[in-house]
C-alpha atoms as a PDB file:
ATOM      1  CA  MET A   1     -13.670 170.856 108.302  1.00  0.00           C
ATOM      2  CA  THR A   2     -11.877 167.793 109.208  1.00  0.00           C
ATOM      3  CA  LEU A   3     -13.859 164.424 110.266  1.00  0.00           C
ATOM      4  CA  ARG A   4     -14.141 164.096 114.049  1.00  0.00           C
ATOM      5  CA  ARG A   5     -15.097 160.755 115.634  1.00  0.00           C
ATOM      6  CA  LEU A   6     -14.963 159.568 118.973  1.00  0.00           C
ATOM      7  CA  HIS A   7     -11.711 157.682 120.108  1.00  0.00           C
ATOM      8  CA  HIS A   8     -11.678 154.045 119.271  1.00  0.00           C
ATOM      9  CA  GLU A   9     -10.692 153.291 122.695  1.00  0.00           C
ATOM     10  CA  GLN A  10     -13.499 153.993 125.473  1.00  0.00           C
ATOM     11  CA  PRO A  11     -13.893 153.667 129.241  1.00  0.00           C
ATOM     12  CA  ALA A  12     -16.557 151.345 130.433  1.00  0.00           C
ATOM     13  CA  SER A  13     -18.614 154.191 132.158  1.00  0.00           C
ATOM     14  CA  PHE A  14     -18.864 157.673 133.004  1.00  0.00           C
ATOM     15  CA  ALA A  15     -20.465 159.758 135.752  1.00  0.00           C
ATOM     16  CA  PHE A  16     -20.325 163.281 136.868  1.00  0.00           C
ATOM     17  CA  SER A  17     -18.902 164.089 140.367  1.00  0.00           C
ATOM     18  CA  ASP A  18     -21.674 165.390 142.791  1.00  0.00           C
ATOM     19  CA  ALA A  19     -19.947 168.737 142.246  1.00  0.00           C
ATOM     20  CA  ASN A  20     -19.858 168.703 138.646  1.00  0.00           C
ATOM     21  CA  LYS A  21     -23.779 167.215 138.556  1.00  0.00           C
ATOM     22  CA  ALA A  22     -24.662 170.258 140.697  1.00  0.00           C
ATOM     23  CA  ARG A  23     -23.006 172.576 137.949  1.00  0.00           C
ATOM     24  CA  VAL A  24     -24.831 170.805 135.237  1.00  0.00           C
ATOM     25  CA  ASP A  25     -27.987 171.156 137.137  1.00  0.00           C
ATOM     26  CA  LYS A  26     -27.638 174.946 137.579  1.00  0.00           C
ATOM     27  CA  GLU A  27     -26.986 175.091 133.983  1.00  0.00           C
ATOM     28  CA  ILE A  28     -30.154 173.214 132.899  1.00  0.00           C
ATOM     29  CA  ALA A  29     -31.888 175.432 135.413  1.00  0.00           C
ATOM     30  CA  LYS A  30     -31.127 178.529 133.228  1.00  0.00           C
ATOM     31  CA  TYR A  31     -33.501 177.602 130.568  1.00  0.00           C
ATOM     32  CA  PRO A  32     -37.332 176.985 130.773  1.00  0.00           C
ATOM     33  CA  ALA A  33     -38.964 173.607 130.976  1.00  0.00           C
ATOM     34  CA  GLY A  34     -38.624 171.517 127.911  1.00  0.00           C
ATOM     35  CA  ARG A  35     -35.877 173.537 126.806  1.00  0.00           C
ATOM     36  CA  GLN A  36     -33.092 171.775 128.744  1.00  0.00           C
ATOM     37  CA  ALA A  37     -31.273 170.878 125.505  1.00  0.00           C
ATOM     38  CA  SER A  38     -29.939 174.450 125.605  1.00  0.00           C
ATOM     39  CA  ALA A  39     -27.594 173.151 128.118  1.00  0.00           C
ATOM     40  CA  VAL A  40     -25.894 170.574 126.048  1.00  0.00           C
ATOM     41  CA  ILE A  41     -22.593 172.523 125.400  1.00  0.00           C
ATOM     42  CA  ALA A  42     -22.334 173.624 129.110  1.00  0.00           C
ATOM     43  CA  ALA A  43     -22.775 169.980 130.343  1.00  0.00           C
ATOM     44  CA  LEU A  44     -20.203 168.563 127.748  1.00  0.00           C
ATOM     45  CA  TRP A  45     -17.786 171.252 128.693  1.00  0.00           C
ATOM     46  CA  ILE A  46     -18.286 170.233 132.577  1.00  0.00           C
ATOM     47  CA  GLY A  47     -17.775 166.573 131.660  1.00  0.00           C
ATOM     48  CA  GLN A  48     -14.666 167.731 129.508  1.00  0.00           C
ATOM     49  CA  GLU A  49     -13.071 169.598 132.641  1.00  0.00           C
ATOM     50  CA  GLN A  50     -13.743 166.442 134.747  1.00  0.00           C
ATOM     51  CA  GLU A  51     -12.102 163.711 132.357  1.00  0.00           C
ATOM     52  CA  GLY A  52     -10.043 165.744 130.202  1.00  0.00           C
ATOM     53  CA  TRP A  53     -11.910 164.511 126.832  1.00  0.00           C
ATOM     54  CA  VAL A  54     -15.369 163.743 125.870  1.00  0.00           C
ATOM     55  CA  THR A  55     -16.012 160.214 125.635  1.00  0.00           C
ATOM     56  CA  LYS A  56     -19.026 157.918 124.602  1.00  0.00           C
ATOM     57  CA  PRO A  57     -20.495 157.136 128.008  1.00  0.00           C
ATOM     58  CA  MET A  58     -20.122 160.930 128.504  1.00  0.00           C
ATOM     59  CA  VAL A  59     -22.273 161.626 125.599  1.00  0.00           C
ATOM     60  CA  GLU A  60     -24.544 159.133 126.721  1.00  0.00           C
ATOM     61  CA  ALA A  61     -25.004 160.393 130.037  1.00  0.00           C
ATOM     62  CA  VAL A  62     -25.443 163.897 128.997  1.00  0.00           C
ATOM     63  CA  ALA A  63     -28.242 162.774 126.538  1.00  0.00           C
ATOM     64  CA  ARG A  64     -29.805 160.901 129.193  1.00  0.00           C
ATOM     65  CA  MET A  65     -29.742 164.137 131.455  1.00  0.00           C
ATOM     66  CA  LEU A  66     -31.115 166.499 128.892  1.00  0.00           C
ATOM     67  CA  ASP A  67     -33.455 164.081 127.320  1.00  0.00           C
ATOM     68  CA  MET A  68     -31.975 164.215 123.911  1.00  0.00           C
ATOM     69  CA  PRO A  69     -31.085 161.344 121.497  1.00  0.00           C
ATOM     70  CA  PHE A  70     -27.525 160.367 121.461  1.00  0.00           C
ATOM     71  CA  ILE A  71     -26.875 161.488 117.887  1.00  0.00           C
ATOM     72  CA  ARG A  72     -27.742 165.112 118.800  1.00  0.00           C
ATOM     73  CA  VAL A  73     -25.402 165.434 121.554  1.00  0.00           C
ATOM     74  CA  LEU A  74     -22.717 163.481 119.316  1.00  0.00           C
ATOM     75  CA  GLU A  75     -23.355 166.084 116.868  1.00  0.00           C
ATOM     76  CA  VAL A  76     -22.577 168.864 119.097  1.00  0.00           C
ATOM     77  CA  ALA A  77     -19.286 167.112 120.585  1.00  0.00           C
ATOM     78  CA  THR A  78     -18.159 166.303 116.884  1.00  0.00           C
ATOM     79  CA  PHE A  79     -18.742 169.766 115.496  1.00  0.00           C
ATOM     80  CA  TYR A  80     -17.023 172.193 118.040  1.00  0.00           C
ATOM     81  CA  THR A  81     -13.211 171.683 117.903  1.00  0.00           C
ATOM     82  CA  MET A  82     -12.946 172.955 121.784  1.00  0.00           C
ATOM     83  CA  PHE A  83     -13.907 169.325 122.694  1.00  0.00           C
ATOM     84  CA  ASN A  84     -11.569 166.696 122.922  1.00  0.00           C
ATOM     85  CA  LEU A  85     -12.611 163.608 121.354  1.00  0.00           C
ATOM     86  CA  GLU A  86      -9.202 161.470 122.243  1.00  0.00           C
ATOM     87  CA  PRO A  87      -7.396 161.537 125.624  1.00  0.00           C
ATOM     88  CA  VAL A  88      -4.782 164.257 126.278  1.00  0.00           C
ATOM     89  CA  GLY A  89      -2.208 164.938 128.763  1.00  0.00           C
ATOM     90  CA  LYS A  90      -2.402 167.135 131.841  1.00  0.00           C
ATOM     91  CA  HIS A  91      -1.905 170.485 129.901  1.00  0.00           C
ATOM     92  CA  LEU A  92      -3.621 170.744 126.215  1.00  0.00           C
ATOM     93  CA  VAL A  93      -1.056 173.207 124.231  1.00  0.00           C
ATOM     94  CA  GLN A  94      -2.893 174.642 121.187  1.00  0.00           C
ATOM     95  CA  VAL A  95      -0.622 176.713 118.574  1.00  0.00           C
ATOM     96  CA  CYS A  96      -1.926 178.869 116.350  1.00  0.00           C
ATOM     97  CA  THR A  97      -0.988 178.414 112.731  1.00  0.00           C
ATOM     98  CA  THR A  98      -3.279 180.736 110.830  1.00  0.00           C
ATOM     99  CA  THR A  99      -1.790 183.262 108.725  1.00  0.00           C
ATOM    100  CA  PRO A 100      -1.281 186.196 111.158  1.00  0.00           C
ATOM    101  CA  CYS A 101       0.878 183.716 113.610  1.00  0.00           C
ATOM    102  CA  TRP A 102       2.455 181.694 110.523  1.00  0.00           C
ATOM    103  CA  LEU A 103       3.767 185.066 109.198  1.00  0.00           C
ATOM    104  CA  ARG A 104       5.399 185.879 112.498  1.00  0.00           C
ATOM    105  CA  GLY A 105       6.966 182.434 113.171  1.00  0.00           C
ATOM    106  CA  SER A 106       4.612 180.047 114.578  1.00  0.00           C
ATOM    107  CA  ASP A 107       6.437 177.296 112.563  1.00  0.00           C
ATOM    108  CA  ASP A 108       9.114 178.054 115.493  1.00  0.00           C
ATOM    109  CA  VAL A 109       6.737 177.457 118.061  1.00  0.00           C
ATOM    110  CA  VAL A 110       5.553 174.033 116.460  1.00  0.00           C
ATOM    111  CA  ALA A 111       8.983 173.045 116.268  1.00  0.00           C
ATOM    112  CA  ALA A 112       9.489 173.467 119.934  1.00  0.00           C
ATOM    113  CA  CYS A 113       6.393 171.499 120.731  1.00  0.00           C
ATOM    114  CA  LYS A 114       7.685 168.676 118.739  1.00  0.00           C
ATOM    115  CA  LYS A 115      11.204 168.856 120.280  1.00  0.00           C
ATOM    116  CA  HIS A 116       9.646 169.117 124.001  1.00  0.00           C
ATOM    117  CA  ILE A 117       6.350 167.387 124.023  1.00  0.00           C
ATOM    118  CA  ALA A 118       5.819 164.791 120.837  1.00  0.00           C
ATOM    119  CA  GLU A 119       6.810 164.726 117.288  1.00  0.00           C
ATOM    120  CA  LYS A 120       3.478 164.341 115.947  1.00  0.00           C
ATOM    121  CA  PRO A 121       0.512 166.301 117.316  1.00  0.00           C
ATOM    122  CA  HIS A 122      -2.536 164.819 119.403  1.00  0.00           C
ATOM    123  CA  THR A 123       0.011 162.620 120.913  1.00  0.00           C
ATOM    124  CA  ILE A 124       0.624 162.543 124.776  1.00  0.00           C
ATOM    125  CA  SER A 125       4.020 163.308 125.847  1.00  0.00           C
ATOM    126  CA  LYS A 126       5.982 160.417 127.477  1.00  0.00           C
ATOM    127  CA  ASP A 127       5.594 161.838 131.137  1.00  0.00           C
ATOM    128  CA  GLY A 128       1.890 162.310 130.270  1.00  0.00           C
ATOM    129  CA  LYS A 129       2.121 166.177 130.965  1.00  0.00           C
ATOM    130  CA  PHE A 130       1.182 167.224 127.553  1.00  0.00           C
ATOM    131  CA  THR A 131      -0.596 167.139 124.236  1.00  0.00           C
ATOM    132  CA  TRP A 132      -0.239 169.258 121.667  1.00  0.00           C
ATOM    133  CA  MET A 133      -2.192 170.478 118.410  1.00  0.00           C
ATOM    134  CA  GLU A 134      -2.508 173.178 115.940  1.00  0.00           C
ATOM    135  CA  ALA A 135      -5.370 175.260 116.086  1.00  0.00           C
ATOM    136  CA  GLU A 136      -7.120 177.980 114.052  1.00  0.00           C
ATOM    137  CA  CYS A 137      -7.092 181.575 115.308  1.00  0.00           C
ATOM    138  CA  LEU A 138      -7.036 181.797 119.091  1.00  0.00           C
ATOM    139  CA  GLY A 139      -7.851 185.585 118.953  1.00  0.00           C
ATOM    140  CA  ALA A 140      -4.620 187.105 119.529  1.00  0.00           C
ATOM    141  CA  CYS A 141      -3.379 188.207 116.264  1.00  0.00           C
ATOM    142  CA  VAL A 142      -1.826 191.306 117.172  1.00  0.00           C
ATOM    143  CA  ASN A 143       0.539 189.597 119.422  1.00  0.00           C
ATOM    144  CA  ALA A 144       1.376 186.721 117.170  1.00  0.00           C
ATOM    145  CA  PRO A 145       2.795 184.054 117.417  1.00  0.00           C
ATOM    146  CA  MET A 146       0.844 182.706 120.262  1.00  0.00           C
ATOM    147  CA  MET A 147      -0.323 179.475 121.834  1.00  0.00           C
ATOM    148  CA  GLN A 148      -3.155 178.621 124.482  1.00  0.00           C
ATOM    149  CA  ILE A 149      -2.368 176.248 127.080  1.00  0.00           C
ATOM    150  CA  ASP A 150      -5.346 174.870 129.146  1.00  0.00           C
ATOM    151  CA  ASN A 151      -7.349 178.196 129.615  1.00  0.00           C
ATOM    152  CA  ASP A 152      -4.287 180.856 129.306  1.00  0.00           C
ATOM    153  CA  THR A 153      -2.565 182.387 126.292  1.00  0.00           C
ATOM    154  CA  TYR A 154       1.201 183.098 125.849  1.00  0.00           C
ATOM    155  CA  GLU A 155       1.702 185.677 123.223  1.00  0.00           C
ATOM    156  CA  ASP A 156       4.806 187.176 121.249  1.00  0.00           C
ATOM    157  CA  LEU A 157       6.516 183.815 121.315  1.00  0.00           C
ATOM    158  CA  ASP A 158       9.416 182.412 119.335  1.00  0.00           C
ATOM    159  CA  GLY A 159      10.609 178.809 119.770  1.00  0.00           C
ATOM    160  CA  LYS A 160      13.051 179.521 122.821  1.00  0.00           C
ATOM    161  CA  ARG A 161      10.233 181.060 124.826  1.00  0.00           C
ATOM    162  CA  ALA A 162       7.687 178.294 123.973  1.00  0.00           C
ATOM    163  CA  ALA A 163      10.086 175.642 125.000  1.00  0.00           C
ATOM    164  CA  GLU A 164      10.783 177.629 128.520  1.00  0.00           C
ATOM    165  CA  ILE A 165       7.206 177.972 129.097  1.00  0.00           C
ATOM    166  CA  ILE A 166       6.724 173.856 128.513  1.00  0.00           C
ATOM    167  CA  GLU A 167       9.537 173.284 130.655  1.00  0.00           C
ATOM    168  CA  VAL A 168       8.269 175.450 133.523  1.00  0.00           C
ATOM    169  CA  LEU A 169       4.723 173.963 133.123  1.00  0.00           C
ATOM    170  CA  ARG A 170       6.492 170.359 133.237  1.00  0.00           C
ATOM    171  CA  ARG A 171       8.427 171.241 136.503  1.00  0.00           C
ATOM    172  CA  GLY A 172       5.176 172.030 138.129  1.00  0.00           C
ATOM    173  CA  GLY A 173       5.771 176.007 137.884  1.00  0.00           C
ATOM    174  CA  ASP A 174       3.277 178.636 136.683  1.00  0.00           C
ATOM    175  CA  PRO A 175       4.556 180.773 133.901  1.00  0.00           C
ATOM    176  CA  LYS A 176       3.167 184.363 133.409  1.00  0.00           C
ATOM    177  CA  PRO A 177       0.512 184.340 130.699  1.00  0.00           C
ATOM    178  CA  GLY A 178      -0.053 187.175 128.178  1.00  0.00           C
ATOM    179  CA  PRO A 179       2.521 189.074 125.925  1.00  0.00           C
ATOM    180  CA  GLN A 180       6.012 187.646 126.466  1.00  0.00           C
ATOM    181  CA  LYS A 181       8.017 190.704 125.360  1.00  0.00           C
ATOM    182  CA  GLY A 182       7.236 192.961 128.218  1.00  0.00           C
ATOM    183  CA  ARG A 183       4.239 195.101 126.389  1.00  0.00           C
ATOM    184  CA  HIS A 184       1.167 195.524 127.874  1.00  0.00           C
ATOM    185  CA  SER A 185      -1.882 193.941 126.278  1.00  0.00           C
ATOM    186  CA  SER A 186      -1.865 194.758 122.407  1.00  0.00           C
ATOM    187  CA  GLU A 187       0.276 198.335 122.758  1.00  0.00           C
ATOM    188  CA  PRO A 188       3.089 198.698 120.276  1.00  0.00           C
ATOM    189  CA  GLU A 189       6.390 196.939 121.168  1.00  0.00           C
ATOM    190  CA  GLY A 190       8.662 199.278 123.223  1.00  0.00           C
ATOM    191  CA  GLY A 191       5.268 201.245 124.508  1.00  0.00           C
ATOM    192  CA  PRO A 192       2.715 203.467 123.466  1.00  0.00           C
ATOM    193  CA  THR A 193       3.665 206.067 120.412  1.00  0.00           C
ATOM    194  CA  THR A 194       0.648 208.410 120.563  1.00  0.00           C
ATOM    195  CA  LEU A 195      -1.595 210.225 123.169  1.00  0.00           C
ATOM    196  CA  LYS A 196       1.221 210.215 125.653  1.00  0.00           C
ATOM    197  CA  GLU A 197       0.821 213.816 126.767  1.00  0.00           C
ATOM    198  CA  LYS A 198      -1.969 214.859 129.158  1.00  0.00           C
ATOM    199  CA  ALA A 199      -4.338 217.482 127.344  1.00  0.00           C
END
């Protein structure tokens, strides 16, 4: 696993919004007294949804809320790759480059990200709208290659379709997630081939 550290530039402070503080309190309430540390992942996730990335002041705030040592919260934040430890654009694009996606053309999806977002991963695009990165298995191997943008997955991609999705988002549009070749879920391309007749 690669070494993950907090970004060298940090904001001066962090505070949960009132709504997000209520969400964190609700997560803490799920656990028995003395076990509030069990809400650490949820608290960091809510903080990341608010700020876009996990900051040192956020880690400190979560540690205080959960009565945990700073290092324990930092261990969680740096272990799980779902936590962004550096600033990201409005949309986070994760391109799966694990073997099934690579064999079916994820290099073309990466090339589209390099052309339409930034040459290097983990770089915010000039318009501030995107950051892209490579990811390990995003769970749609049967519809490879695929990418995840924010909370949505886009499958059955090629470079051209990946670029189109990025541009739709750039213009403020809402591209349809899921398979991009017209198939439903993970059925074979061209439609079902078995069990087509009613018994």
